[in-house]
């Protein structure tokens, strides 16, 4: 699973940010690693240099083998919280989608 980190000009990119992002994504999405080809994490500060509550946006897009890409977004006051929440949302979405795939497969077997 390849993890790509992108950010707008208001977010300071660093090796620390990339490492934190990759570690969180790999931890939270570990059970789906066989099916995921690429994860793109996009960070943005929606208020720019002004401070504000929940102005950090983290979008996680997953390219899942044999499926269309899916994405989720979470807003928070800082990067680690936004990332963790978005990754958890993605895990729930993938579990839901895999459940639907299993249900479809089981339904076609019983006919």
PDB file of N, CA and C in Angstrom:
ATOM      1  N   UNK A   1       0.854  -1.171   0.000  1.00  0.00           N
ATOM      2  CA  UNK A   1       0.000   0.000   0.000  1.00  0.00           C
ATOM      3  C   UNK A   1       0.896   1.228   0.000  1.00  0.00           C
ATOM      4  N   UNK A   2       0.693   2.049  -0.984  1.00  0.00           N
ATOM      5  CA  UNK A   2       1.460   3.290  -1.104  1.00  0.00           C
ATOM      6  C   UNK A   2       0.665   4.419  -0.459  1.00  0.00           C
ATOM      7  N   UNK A   3       1.329   5.214   0.388  1.00  0.00           N
ATOM      8  CA  UNK A   3       0.684   6.352   1.050  1.00  0.00           C
ATOM      9  C   UNK A   3       1.320   7.630   0.523  1.00  0.00           C
ATOM     10  N   UNK A   4       0.507   8.478  -0.091  1.00  0.00           N
ATOM     11  CA  UNK A   4       0.972   9.758  -0.628  1.00  0.00           C
ATOM     12  C   UNK A   4       0.402  10.879   0.227  1.00  0.00           C
ATOM     13  N   UNK A   5       1.234  11.858   0.551  1.00  0.00           N
ATOM     14  CA  UNK A   5       0.811  12.985   1.380  1.00  0.00           C
ATOM     15  C   UNK A   5       0.882  14.260   0.548  1.00  0.00           C
ATOM     16  N   UNK A   6      -0.224  14.973   0.530  1.00  0.00           N
ATOM     17  CA  UNK A   6      -0.309  16.248  -0.188  1.00  0.00           C
ATOM     18  C   UNK A   6      -0.841  17.297   0.789  1.00  0.00           C
ATOM     19  N   UNK A   7      -0.488  18.555   0.547  1.00  0.00           N
ATOM     20  CA  UNK A   7      -0.970  19.627   1.414  1.00  0.00           C
ATOM     21  C   UNK A   7      -0.981  20.935   0.647  1.00  0.00           C
ATOM     22  N   UNK A   8      -1.802  21.851   1.122  1.00  0.00           N
ATOM     23  CA  UNK A   8      -1.821  23.159   0.483  1.00  0.00           C
ATOM     24  C   UNK A   8      -0.670  24.003   1.022  1.00  0.00           C
ATOM     25  N   UNK A   9      -0.556  25.217   0.535  1.00  0.00           N
ATOM     26  CA  UNK A   9       0.589  26.065   0.890  1.00  0.00           C
ATOM     27  C   UNK A   9       0.553  26.551   2.345  1.00  0.00           C
ATOM     28  N   UNK A  10      -0.573  26.388   3.021  1.00  0.00           N
ATOM     29  CA  UNK A  10      -0.665  26.843   4.411  1.00  0.00           C
ATOM     30  C   UNK A  10      -0.230  25.769   5.412  1.00  0.00           C
ATOM     31  N   UNK A  11      -0.019  24.559   4.950  1.00  0.00           N
ATOM     32  CA  UNK A  11       0.433  23.456   5.803  1.00  0.00           C
ATOM     33  C   UNK A  11       1.908  23.213   5.522  1.00  0.00           C
ATOM     34  N   UNK A  12       2.706  23.227   6.573  1.00  0.00           N
ATOM     35  CA  UNK A  12       4.143  22.993   6.417  1.00  0.00           C
ATOM     36  C   UNK A  12       4.395  21.497   6.274  1.00  0.00           C
ATOM     37  N   UNK A  13       4.821  21.100   5.096  1.00  0.00           N
ATOM     38  CA  UNK A  13       5.151  19.696   4.872  1.00  0.00           C
ATOM     39  C   UNK A  13       6.507  19.371   5.479  1.00  0.00           C
ATOM     40  N   UNK A  14       6.636  18.149   5.953  1.00  0.00           N
ATOM     41  CA  UNK A  14       7.905  17.727   6.532  1.00  0.00           C
ATOM     42  C   UNK A  14       7.970  16.207   6.517  1.00  0.00           C
ATOM     43  N   UNK A  15       9.162  15.699   6.766  1.00  0.00           N
ATOM     44  CA  UNK A  15       9.324  14.248   6.861  1.00  0.00           C
ATOM     45  C   UNK A  15       8.532  13.714   8.055  1.00  0.00           C
ATOM     46  N   UNK A  16       8.484  14.496   9.122  1.00  0.00           N
ATOM     47  CA  UNK A  16       7.722  14.099  10.320  1.00  0.00           C
ATOM     48  C   UNK A  16       6.237  13.950   9.978  1.00  0.00           C
ATOM     49  N   UNK A  17       5.679  14.896   9.225  1.00  0.00           N
ATOM     50  CA  UNK A  17       4.282  14.830   8.814  1.00  0.00           C
ATOM     51  C   UNK A  17       4.037  13.602   7.945  1.00  0.00           C
ATOM     52  N   UNK A  18       4.918  13.365   6.997  1.00  0.00           N
ATOM     53  CA  UNK A  18       4.794  12.203   6.114  1.00  0.00           C
ATOM     54  C   UNK A  18       4.862  10.906   6.902  1.00  0.00           C
ATOM     55  N   UNK A  19       5.815  10.806   7.824  1.00  0.00           N
ATOM     56  CA  UNK A  19       5.960   9.596   8.645  1.00  0.00           C
ATOM     57  C   UNK A  19       4.747   9.369   9.535  1.00  0.00           C
ATOM     58  N   UNK A  20       4.255  10.439  10.176  1.00  0.00           N
ATOM     59  CA  UNK A  20       3.075  10.330  11.032  1.00  0.00           C
ATOM     60  C   UNK A  20       1.874   9.872  10.216  1.00  0.00           C
ATOM     61  N   UNK A  21       1.711  10.463   9.049  1.00  0.00           N
ATOM     62  CA  UNK A  21       0.583  10.122   8.183  1.00  0.00           C
ATOM     63  C   UNK A  21       0.644   8.662   7.756  1.00  0.00           C
ATOM     64  N   UNK A  22       1.799   8.242   7.258  1.00  0.00           N
ATOM     65  CA  UNK A  22       1.952   6.859   6.796  1.00  0.00           C
ATOM     66  C   UNK A  22       1.723   5.871   7.932  1.00  0.00           C
ATOM     67  N   UNK A  23       2.277   6.141   9.103  1.00  0.00           N
ATOM     68  CA  UNK A  23       2.118   5.236  10.247  1.00  0.00           C
ATOM     69  C   UNK A  23       0.652   5.128  10.664  1.00  0.00           C
ATOM     70  N   UNK A  24      -0.048   6.247  10.718  1.00  0.00           N
ATOM     71  CA  UNK A  24      -1.466   6.232  11.114  1.00  0.00           C
ATOM     72  C   UNK A  24      -2.299   5.468  10.098  1.00  0.00           C
ATOM     73  N   UNK A  25      -2.101   5.764   8.821  1.00  0.00           N
ATOM     74  CA  UNK A  25      -2.868   5.095   7.763  1.00  0.00           C
ATOM     75  C   UNK A  25      -2.598   3.592   7.793  1.00  0.00           C
ATOM     76  N   UNK A  26      -1.331   3.211   7.897  1.00  0.00           N
ATOM     77  CA  UNK A  26      -0.991   1.787   7.906  1.00  0.00           C
ATOM     78  C   UNK A  26      -1.574   1.088   9.126  1.00  0.00           C
ATOM     79  N   UNK A  27      -1.612   1.760  10.254  1.00  0.00           N
ATOM     80  CA  UNK A  27      -2.172   1.171  11.469  1.00  0.00           C
ATOM     81  C   UNK A  27      -3.687   1.012  11.360  1.00  0.00           C
ATOM     82  N   UNK A  28      -4.372   2.077  10.995  1.00  0.00           N
ATOM     83  CA  UNK A  28      -5.841   2.060  10.981  1.00  0.00           C
ATOM     84  C   UNK A  28      -6.392   1.191   9.844  1.00  0.00           C
ATOM     85  N   UNK A  29      -5.722   1.195   8.705  1.00  0.00           N
ATOM     86  CA  UNK A  29      -6.229   0.454   7.543  1.00  0.00           C
ATOM     87  C   UNK A  29      -5.505  -0.872   7.322  1.00  0.00           C
ATOM     88  N   UNK A  30      -4.794  -1.366   8.327  1.00  0.00           N
ATOM     89  CA  UNK A  30      -3.982  -2.586   8.186  1.00  0.00           C
ATOM     90  C   UNK A  30      -4.785  -3.785   7.696  1.00  0.00           C
ATOM     91  N   UNK A  31      -6.004  -3.936   8.148  1.00  0.00           N
ATOM     92  CA  UNK A  31      -6.773  -5.126   7.759  1.00  0.00           C
ATOM     93  C   UNK A  31      -7.205  -5.107   6.300  1.00  0.00           C
ATOM     94  N   UNK A  32      -7.054  -3.968   5.618  1.00  0.00           N
ATOM     95  CA  UNK A  32      -7.438  -3.849   4.207  1.00  0.00           C
ATOM     96  C   UNK A  32      -6.236  -3.766   3.276  1.00  0.00           C
ATOM     97  N   UNK A  33      -5.044  -3.924   3.819  1.00  0.00           N
ATOM     98  CA  UNK A  33      -3.809  -3.681   3.066  1.00  0.00           C
ATOM     99  C   UNK A  33      -3.706  -4.545   1.806  1.00  0.00           C
ATOM    100  N   UNK A  34      -4.274  -5.730   1.818  1.00  0.00           N
ATOM    101  CA  UNK A  34      -4.192  -6.605   0.643  1.00  0.00           C
ATOM    102  C   UNK A  34      -4.980  -6.067  -0.532  1.00  0.00           C
ATOM    103  N   UNK A  35      -5.998  -5.266  -0.279  1.00  0.00           N
ATOM    104  CA  UNK A  35      -6.859  -4.751  -1.335  1.00  0.00           C
ATOM    105  C   UNK A  35      -6.580  -3.314  -1.732  1.00  0.00           C
ATOM    106  N   UNK A  36      -5.882  -2.572  -0.890  1.00  0.00           N
ATOM    107  CA  UNK A  36      -5.616  -1.158  -1.161  1.00  0.00           C
ATOM    108  C   UNK A  36      -4.338  -1.026  -1.974  1.00  0.00           C
ATOM    109  N   UNK A  37      -4.415  -0.267  -3.057  1.00  0.00           N
ATOM    110  CA  UNK A  37      -3.211  -0.010  -3.846  1.00  0.00           C
ATOM    111  C   UNK A  37      -2.558   1.306  -3.431  1.00  0.00           C
ATOM    112  N   UNK A  38      -3.372   2.363  -3.279  1.00  0.00           N
ATOM    113  CA  UNK A  38      -2.838   3.685  -2.965  1.00  0.00           C
ATOM    114  C   UNK A  38      -3.771   4.426  -2.022  1.00  0.00           C
ATOM    115  N   UNK A  39      -3.168   5.157  -1.089  1.00  0.00           N
ATOM    116  CA  UNK A  39      -3.917   6.050  -0.215  1.00  0.00           C
ATOM    117  C   UNK A  39      -3.320   7.439  -0.399  1.00  0.00           C
ATOM    118  N   UNK A  40      -4.173   8.402  -0.721  1.00  0.00           N
ATOM    119  CA  UNK A  40      -3.729   9.791  -0.807  1.00  0.00           C
ATOM    120  C   UNK A  40      -4.352  10.551   0.351  1.00  0.00           C
ATOM    121  N   UNK A  41      -3.513  11.256   1.091  1.00  0.00           N
ATOM    122  CA  UNK A  41      -3.982  12.066   2.216  1.00  0.00           C
ATOM    123  C   UNK A  41      -3.714  13.523   1.856  1.00  0.00           C
ATOM    124  N   UNK A  42      -4.766  14.312   1.870  1.00  0.00           N
ATOM    125  CA  UNK A  42      -4.681  15.731   1.522  1.00  0.00           C
ATOM    126  C   UNK A  42      -4.984  16.561   2.766  1.00  0.00           C
ATOM    127  N   UNK A  43      -4.063  17.466   3.092  1.00  0.00           N
ATOM    128  CA  UNK A  43      -4.261  18.373   4.219  1.00  0.00           C
ATOM    129  C   UNK A  43      -4.471  19.789   3.692  1.00  0.00           C
ATOM    130  N   UNK A  44      -5.340  20.535   4.349  1.00  0.00           N
ATOM    131  CA  UNK A  44      -5.534  21.944   4.010  1.00  0.00           C
ATOM    132  C   UNK A  44      -5.957  22.698   5.268  1.00  0.00           C
ATOM    133  N   UNK A  45      -5.537  23.944   5.330  1.00  0.00           N
ATOM    134  CA  UNK A  45      -5.980  24.835   6.393  1.00  0.00           C
ATOM    135  C   UNK A  45      -6.974  25.787   5.749  1.00  0.00           C
ATOM    136  N   UNK A  46      -8.232  25.585   6.040  1.00  0.00           N
ATOM    137  CA  UNK A  46      -9.278  26.326   5.344  1.00  0.00           C
ATOM    138  C   UNK A  46      -9.326  27.805   5.691  1.00  0.00           C
ATOM    139  N   UNK A  47      -8.747  28.201   6.829  1.00  0.00           N
ATOM    140  CA  UNK A  47      -8.711  29.616   7.195  1.00  0.00           C
ATOM    141  C   UNK A  47      -7.362  30.254   6.921  1.00  0.00           C
ATOM    142  N   UNK A  48      -6.471  29.516   6.299  1.00  0.00           N
ATOM    143  CA  UNK A  48      -5.142  30.052   6.015  1.00  0.00           C
ATOM    144  C   UNK A  48      -4.427  30.440   7.289  1.00  0.00           C
ATOM    145  N   UNK A  49      -3.782  31.595   7.322  1.00  0.00           N
ATOM    146  CA  UNK A  49      -3.017  31.989   8.495  1.00  0.00           C
ATOM    147  C   UNK A  49      -3.878  32.376   9.703  1.00  0.00           C
ATOM    148  N   UNK A  50      -5.180  32.622   9.481  1.00  0.00           N
ATOM    149  CA  UNK A  50      -6.066  32.939  10.604  1.00  0.00           C
ATOM    150  C   UNK A  50      -6.338  31.665  11.392  1.00  0.00           C
ATOM    151  N   UNK A  51      -6.463  31.813  12.705  1.00  0.00           N
ATOM    152  CA  UNK A  51      -6.783  30.631  13.499  1.00  0.00           C
ATOM    153  C   UNK A  51      -8.295  30.480  13.593  1.00  0.00           C
ATOM    154  N   UNK A  52      -8.712  29.267  13.841  1.00  0.00           N
ATOM    155  CA  UNK A  52     -10.135  29.003  13.982  1.00  0.00           C
ATOM    156  C   UNK A  52     -10.351  27.570  14.411  1.00  0.00           C
ATOM    157  N   UNK A  53     -11.521  27.319  14.939  1.00  0.00           N
ATOM    158  CA  UNK A  53     -11.858  25.965  15.365  1.00  0.00           C
ATOM    159  C   UNK A  53     -12.088  25.081  14.145  1.00  0.00           C
ATOM    160  N   UNK A  54     -11.533  23.904  14.198  1.00  0.00           N
ATOM    161  CA  UNK A  54     -11.760  22.881  13.175  1.00  0.00           C
ATOM    162  C   UNK A  54     -11.506  23.399  11.769  1.00  0.00           C
ATOM    163  N   UNK A  55     -10.423  24.145  11.596  1.00  0.00           N
ATOM    164  CA  UNK A  55     -10.135  24.681  10.266  1.00  0.00           C
ATOM    165  C   UNK A  55      -9.145  23.814   9.475  1.00  0.00           C
ATOM    166  N   UNK A  56      -8.651  22.739  10.087  1.00  0.00           N
ATOM    167  CA  UNK A  56      -7.770  21.818   9.378  1.00  0.00           C
ATOM    168  C   UNK A  56      -8.626  20.734   8.740  1.00  0.00           C
ATOM    169  N   UNK A  57      -8.477  20.579   7.433  1.00  0.00           N
ATOM    170  CA  UNK A  57      -9.229  19.558   6.701  1.00  0.00           C
ATOM    171  C   UNK A  57      -8.280  18.439   6.297  1.00  0.00           C
ATOM    172  N   UNK A  58      -8.674  17.217   6.567  1.00  0.00           N
ATOM    173  CA  UNK A  58      -7.918  16.053   6.135  1.00  0.00           C
ATOM    174  C   UNK A  58      -8.843  15.188   5.286  1.00  0.00           C
ATOM    175  N   UNK A  59      -8.446  14.964   4.058  1.00  0.00           N
ATOM    176  CA  UNK A  59      -9.195  14.099   3.158  1.00  0.00           C
ATOM    177  C   UNK A  59      -8.351  12.866   2.884  1.00  0.00           C
ATOM    178  N   UNK A  60      -8.952  11.702   3.045  1.00  0.00           N
ATOM    179  CA  UNK A  60      -8.279  10.439   2.767  1.00  0.00           C
ATOM    180  C   UNK A  60      -8.990   9.798   1.585  1.00  0.00           C
ATOM    181  N   UNK A  61      -8.236   9.553   0.514  1.00  0.00           N
ATOM    182  CA  UNK A  61      -8.772   8.891  -0.669  1.00  0.00           C
ATOM    183  C   UNK A  61      -8.076   7.549  -0.824  1.00  0.00           C
ATOM    184  N   UNK A  62      -8.864   6.499  -0.987  1.00  0.00           N
ATOM    185  CA  UNK A  62      -8.319   5.153  -1.122  1.00  0.00           C
ATOM    186  C   UNK A  62      -8.644   4.599  -2.499  1.00  0.00           C
ATOM    187  N   UNK A  63      -7.629   4.071  -3.127  1.00  0.00           N
ATOM    188  CA  UNK A  63      -7.818   3.335  -4.369  1.00  0.00           C
ATOM    189  C   UNK A  63      -7.815   1.867  -3.972  1.00  0.00           C
ATOM    190  N   UNK A  64      -8.980   1.291  -4.086  1.00  0.00           N
ATOM    191  CA  UNK A  64      -9.241  -0.057  -3.607  1.00  0.00           C
ATOM    192  C   UNK A  64      -9.298  -0.982  -4.812  1.00  0.00           C
ATOM    193  N   UNK A  65      -8.571  -2.053  -4.792  1.00  0.00           N
ATOM    194  CA  UNK A  65      -8.462  -2.977  -5.916  1.00  0.00           C
ATOM    195  C   UNK A  65      -9.840  -3.384  -6.451  1.00  0.00           C
ATOM    196  N   UNK A  66     -10.053  -3.143  -7.739  1.00  0.00           N
ATOM    197  CA  UNK A  66     -11.294  -3.544  -8.382  1.00  0.00           C
ATOM    198  C   UNK A  66     -12.495  -2.659  -8.096  1.00  0.00           C
ATOM    199  N   UNK A  67     -12.304  -1.533  -7.431  1.00  0.00           N
ATOM    200  CA  UNK A  67     -13.391  -0.622  -7.083  1.00  0.00           C
ATOM    201  C   UNK A  67     -13.005   0.800  -7.469  1.00  0.00           C
ATOM    202  N   UNK A  68     -14.006   1.670  -7.538  1.00  0.00           N
ATOM    203  CA  UNK A  68     -13.742   3.085  -7.768  1.00  0.00           C
ATOM    204  C   UNK A  68     -13.105   3.677  -6.519  1.00  0.00           C
ATOM    205  N   UNK A  69     -12.286   4.722  -6.676  1.00  0.00           N
ATOM    206  CA  UNK A  69     -11.710   5.374  -5.493  1.00  0.00           C
ATOM    207  C   UNK A  69     -12.811   5.932  -4.595  1.00  0.00           C
ATOM    208  N   UNK A  70     -12.552   5.890  -3.293  1.00  0.00           N
ATOM    209  CA  UNK A  70     -13.485   6.453  -2.319  1.00  0.00           C
ATOM    210  C   UNK A  70     -12.728   7.435  -1.443  1.00  0.00           C
ATOM    211  N   UNK A  71     -13.442   8.438  -0.938  1.00  0.00           N
ATOM    212  CA  UNK A  71     -12.794   9.461  -0.120  1.00  0.00           C
ATOM    213  C   UNK A  71     -13.695   9.863   1.040  1.00  0.00           C
ATOM    214  N   UNK A  72     -13.043  10.267   2.124  1.00  0.00           N
ATOM    215  CA  UNK A  72     -13.733  10.821   3.285  1.00  0.00           C
ATOM    216  C   UNK A  72     -12.965  12.055   3.736  1.00  0.00           C
ATOM    217  N   UNK A  73     -13.646  12.930   4.450  1.00  0.00           N
ATOM    218  CA  UNK A  73     -13.023  14.156   4.943  1.00  0.00           C
ATOM    219  C   UNK A  73     -13.396  14.361   6.399  1.00  0.00           C
ATOM    220  N   UNK A  74     -12.448  14.922   7.145  1.00  0.00           N
ATOM    221  CA  UNK A  74     -12.731  15.290   8.532  1.00  0.00           C
ATOM    222  C   UNK A  74     -12.075  16.639   8.817  1.00  0.00           C
ATOM    223  N   UNK A  75     -12.764  17.478   9.577  1.00  0.00           N
ATOM    224  CA  UNK A  75     -12.241  18.774  10.014  1.00  0.00           C
ATOM    225  C   UNK A  75     -11.925  18.702  11.495  1.00  0.00           C
ATOM    226  N   UNK A  76     -10.803  19.291  11.880  1.00  0.00           N
ATOM    227  CA  UNK A  76     -10.409  19.312  13.290  1.00  0.00           C
ATOM    228  C   UNK A  76      -9.508  20.513  13.533  1.00  0.00           C
ATOM    229  N   UNK A  77      -9.143  20.702  14.779  1.00  0.00           N
ATOM    230  CA  UNK A  77      -8.301  21.834  15.156  1.00  0.00           C
ATOM    231  C   UNK A  77      -6.828  21.595  14.863  1.00  0.00           C
ATOM    232  N   UNK A  78      -6.417  20.315  14.752  1.00  0.00           N
ATOM    233  CA  UNK A  78      -5.009  20.061  14.417  1.00  0.00           C
ATOM    234  C   UNK A  78      -4.868  18.830  13.525  1.00  0.00           C
ATOM    235  N   UNK A  79      -3.700  18.697  12.925  1.00  0.00           N
ATOM    236  CA  UNK A  79      -3.447  17.654  11.936  1.00  0.00           C
ATOM    237  C   UNK A  79      -3.618  16.233  12.469  1.00  0.00           C
ATOM    238  N   UNK A  80      -2.993  15.864  13.590  1.00  0.00           N
ATOM    239  CA  UNK A  80      -3.126  14.472  14.046  1.00  0.00           C
ATOM    240  C   UNK A  80      -4.567  14.052  14.320  1.00  0.00           C
ATOM    241  N   UNK A  81      -5.359  14.948  14.893  1.00  0.00           N
ATOM    242  CA  UNK A  81      -6.758  14.614  15.173  1.00  0.00           C
ATOM    243  C   UNK A  81      -7.547  14.469  13.874  1.00  0.00           C
ATOM    244  N   UNK A  82      -7.332  15.381  12.940  1.00  0.00           N
ATOM    245  CA  UNK A  82      -8.020  15.317  11.649  1.00  0.00           C
ATOM    246  C   UNK A  82      -7.656  14.030  10.922  1.00  0.00           C
ATOM    247  N   UNK A  83      -6.381  13.669  10.940  1.00  0.00           N
ATOM    248  CA  UNK A  83      -5.923  12.451  10.270  1.00  0.00           C
ATOM    249  C   UNK A  83      -6.537  11.209  10.901  1.00  0.00           C
ATOM    250  N   UNK A  84      -6.449  11.105  12.213  1.00  0.00           N
ATOM    251  CA  UNK A  84      -6.964   9.918  12.912  1.00  0.00           C
ATOM    252  C   UNK A  84      -8.459   9.744  12.647  1.00  0.00           C
ATOM    253  N   UNK A  85      -9.213  10.822  12.741  1.00  0.00           N
ATOM    254  CA  UNK A  85     -10.661  10.742  12.524  1.00  0.00           C
ATOM    255  C   UNK A  85     -10.991  10.382  11.079  1.00  0.00           C
ATOM    256  N   UNK A  86     -10.281  10.968  10.118  1.00  0.00           N
ATOM    257  CA  UNK A  86     -10.526  10.650   8.707  1.00  0.00           C
ATOM    258  C   UNK A  86     -10.155   9.195   8.405  1.00  0.00           C
ATOM    259  N   UNK A  87      -9.064   8.722   8.975  1.00  0.00           N
ATOM    260  CA  UNK A  87      -8.650   7.327   8.769  1.00  0.00           C
ATOM    261  C   UNK A  87      -9.693   6.367   9.347  1.00  0.00           C
ATOM    262  N   UNK A  88     -10.222   6.690  10.527  1.00  0.00           N
ATOM    263  CA  UNK A  88     -11.259   5.854  11.139  1.00  0.00           C
ATOM    264  C   UNK A  88     -12.536   5.853  10.303  1.00  0.00           C
ATOM    265  N   UNK A  89     -12.907   7.021   9.766  1.00  0.00           N
ATOM    266  CA  UNK A  89     -14.070   7.089   8.878  1.00  0.00           C
ATOM    267  C   UNK A  89     -13.850   6.193   7.658  1.00  0.00           C
ATOM    268  N   UNK A  90     -12.627   6.231   7.110  1.00  0.00           N
ATOM    269  CA  UNK A  90     -12.326   5.414   5.941  1.00  0.00           C
ATOM    270  C   UNK A  90     -12.416   3.933   6.279  1.00  0.00           C
ATOM    271  N   UNK A  91     -11.920   3.544   7.436  1.00  0.00           N
ATOM    272  CA  UNK A  91     -11.987   2.135   7.840  1.00  0.00           C
ATOM    273  C   UNK A  91     -13.446   1.678   7.926  1.00  0.00           C
ATOM    274  N   UNK A  92     -14.300   2.509   8.491  1.00  0.00           N
ATOM    275  CA  UNK A  92     -15.731   2.160   8.575  1.00  0.00           C
ATOM    276  C   UNK A  92     -16.350   2.060   7.180  1.00  0.00           C
ATOM    277  N   UNK A  93     -15.971   2.968   6.288  1.00  0.00           N
ATOM    278  CA  UNK A  93     -16.506   2.934   4.930  1.00  0.00           C
ATOM    279  C   UNK A  93     -16.060   1.665   4.204  1.00  0.00           C
ATOM    280  N   UNK A  94     -14.780   1.316   4.344  1.00  0.00           N
ATOM    281  CA  UNK A  94     -14.278   0.119   3.683  1.00  0.00           C
ATOM    282  C   UNK A  94     -14.944  -1.134   4.243  1.00  0.00           C
ATOM    283  N   UNK A  95     -15.158  -1.175   5.552  1.00  0.00           N
ATOM    284  CA  UNK A  95     -15.839  -2.325   6.163  1.00  0.00           C
ATOM    285  C   UNK A  95     -17.251  -2.450   5.600  1.00  0.00           C
ATOM    286  N   UNK A  96     -17.933  -1.328   5.466  1.00  0.00           N
ATOM    287  CA  UNK A  96     -19.278  -1.329   4.902  1.00  0.00           C
ATOM    288  C   UNK A  96     -19.262  -1.834   3.460  1.00  0.00           C
ATOM    289  N   UNK A  97     -18.321  -1.326   2.666  1.00  0.00           N
ATOM    290  CA  UNK A  97     -18.242  -1.742   1.266  1.00  0.00           C
ATOM    291  C   UNK A  97     -17.882  -3.219   1.142  1.00  0.00           C
ATOM    292  N   UNK A  98     -16.955  -3.685   1.960  1.00  0.00           N
ATOM    293  CA  UNK A  98     -16.591  -5.102   1.913  1.00  0.00           C
ATOM    294  C   UNK A  98     -17.761  -5.972   2.345  1.00  0.00           C
ATOM    295  N   UNK A  99     -18.533  -5.499   3.304  1.00  0.00           N
ATOM    296  CA  UNK A  99     -19.722  -6.224   3.715  1.00  0.00           C
ATOM    297  C   UNK A  99     -20.718  -6.349   2.578  1.00  0.00           C
ATOM    298  N   UNK A 100     -20.893  -5.287   1.832  1.00  0.00           N
ATOM    299  CA  UNK A 100     -21.795  -5.319   0.678  1.00  0.00           C
ATOM    300  C   UNK A 100     -21.273  -6.278  -0.379  1.00  0.00           C
ATOM    301  N   UNK A 101     -19.959  -6.271  -0.601  1.00  0.00           N
ATOM    302  CA  UNK A 101     -19.371  -7.189  -1.582  1.00  0.00           C
ATOM    303  C   UNK A 101     -19.594  -8.632  -1.136  1.00  0.00           C
ATOM    304  N   UNK A 102     -19.373  -8.913   0.167  1.00  0.00           N
ATOM    305  CA  UNK A 102     -19.592 -10.269   0.692  1.00  0.00           C
ATOM    306  C   UNK A 102     -21.061 -10.660   0.558  1.00  0.00           C
ATOM    307  N   UNK A 103     -21.963  -9.712   0.868  1.00  0.00           N
ATOM    308  CA  UNK A 103     -23.393 -10.012   0.750  1.00  0.00           C
ATOM    309  C   UNK A 103     -23.778 -10.319  -0.692  1.00  0.00           C
ATOM    310  N   UNK A 104     -23.241  -9.546  -1.634  1.00  0.00           N
ATOM    311  CA  UNK A 104     -23.524  -9.792  -3.051  1.00  0.00           C
ATOM    312  C   UNK A 104     -22.992 -11.150  -3.470  1.00  0.00           C
ATOM    313  N   UNK A 105     -21.789 -11.491  -3.020  1.00  0.00           N
ATOM    314  CA  UNK A 105     -21.183 -12.781  -3.365  1.00  0.00           C
ATOM    315  C   UNK A 105     -21.987 -13.931  -2.769  1.00  0.00           C
ATOM    316  N   UNK A 106     -22.418 -13.791  -1.519  1.00  0.00           N
ATOM    317  CA  UNK A 106     -23.222 -14.825  -0.880  1.00  0.00           C
ATOM    318  C   UNK A 106     -24.592 -14.957  -1.522  1.00  0.00           C
ATOM    319  N   UNK A 107     -25.165 -13.847  -1.929  1.00  0.00           N
ATOM    320  CA  UNK A 107     -26.473 -13.865  -2.590  1.00  0.00           C
ATOM    321  C   UNK A 107     -26.425 -14.563  -3.926  1.00  0.00           C
ATOM    322  N   UNK A 108     -25.339 -14.360  -4.678  1.00  0.00           N
ATOM    323  CA  UNK A 108     -25.236 -14.995  -5.983  1.00  0.00           C
ATOM    324  C   UNK A 108     -24.956 -16.484  -5.861  1.00  0.00           C
ATOM    325  N   UNK A 109     -24.380 -16.926  -4.753  1.00  0.00           N
ATOM    326  CA  UNK A 109     -24.113 -18.343  -4.546  1.00  0.00           C
ATOM    327  C   UNK A 109     -25.382 -19.114  -4.193  1.00  0.00           C
ATOM    328  N   UNK A 110     -26.307 -18.454  -3.488  1.00  0.00           N
ATOM    329  CA  UNK A 110     -27.489 -19.158  -3.028  1.00  0.00           C
ATOM    330  C   UNK A 110     -28.573 -19.278  -4.088  1.00  0.00           C
ATOM    331  N   UNK A 111     -28.406 -18.569  -5.192  1.00  0.00           N
ATOM    332  CA  UNK A 111     -29.429 -18.626  -6.248  1.00  0.00           C
ATOM    333  C   UNK A 111     -29.260 -19.832  -7.124  1.00  0.00           C
TER     334      UNK A 111
END
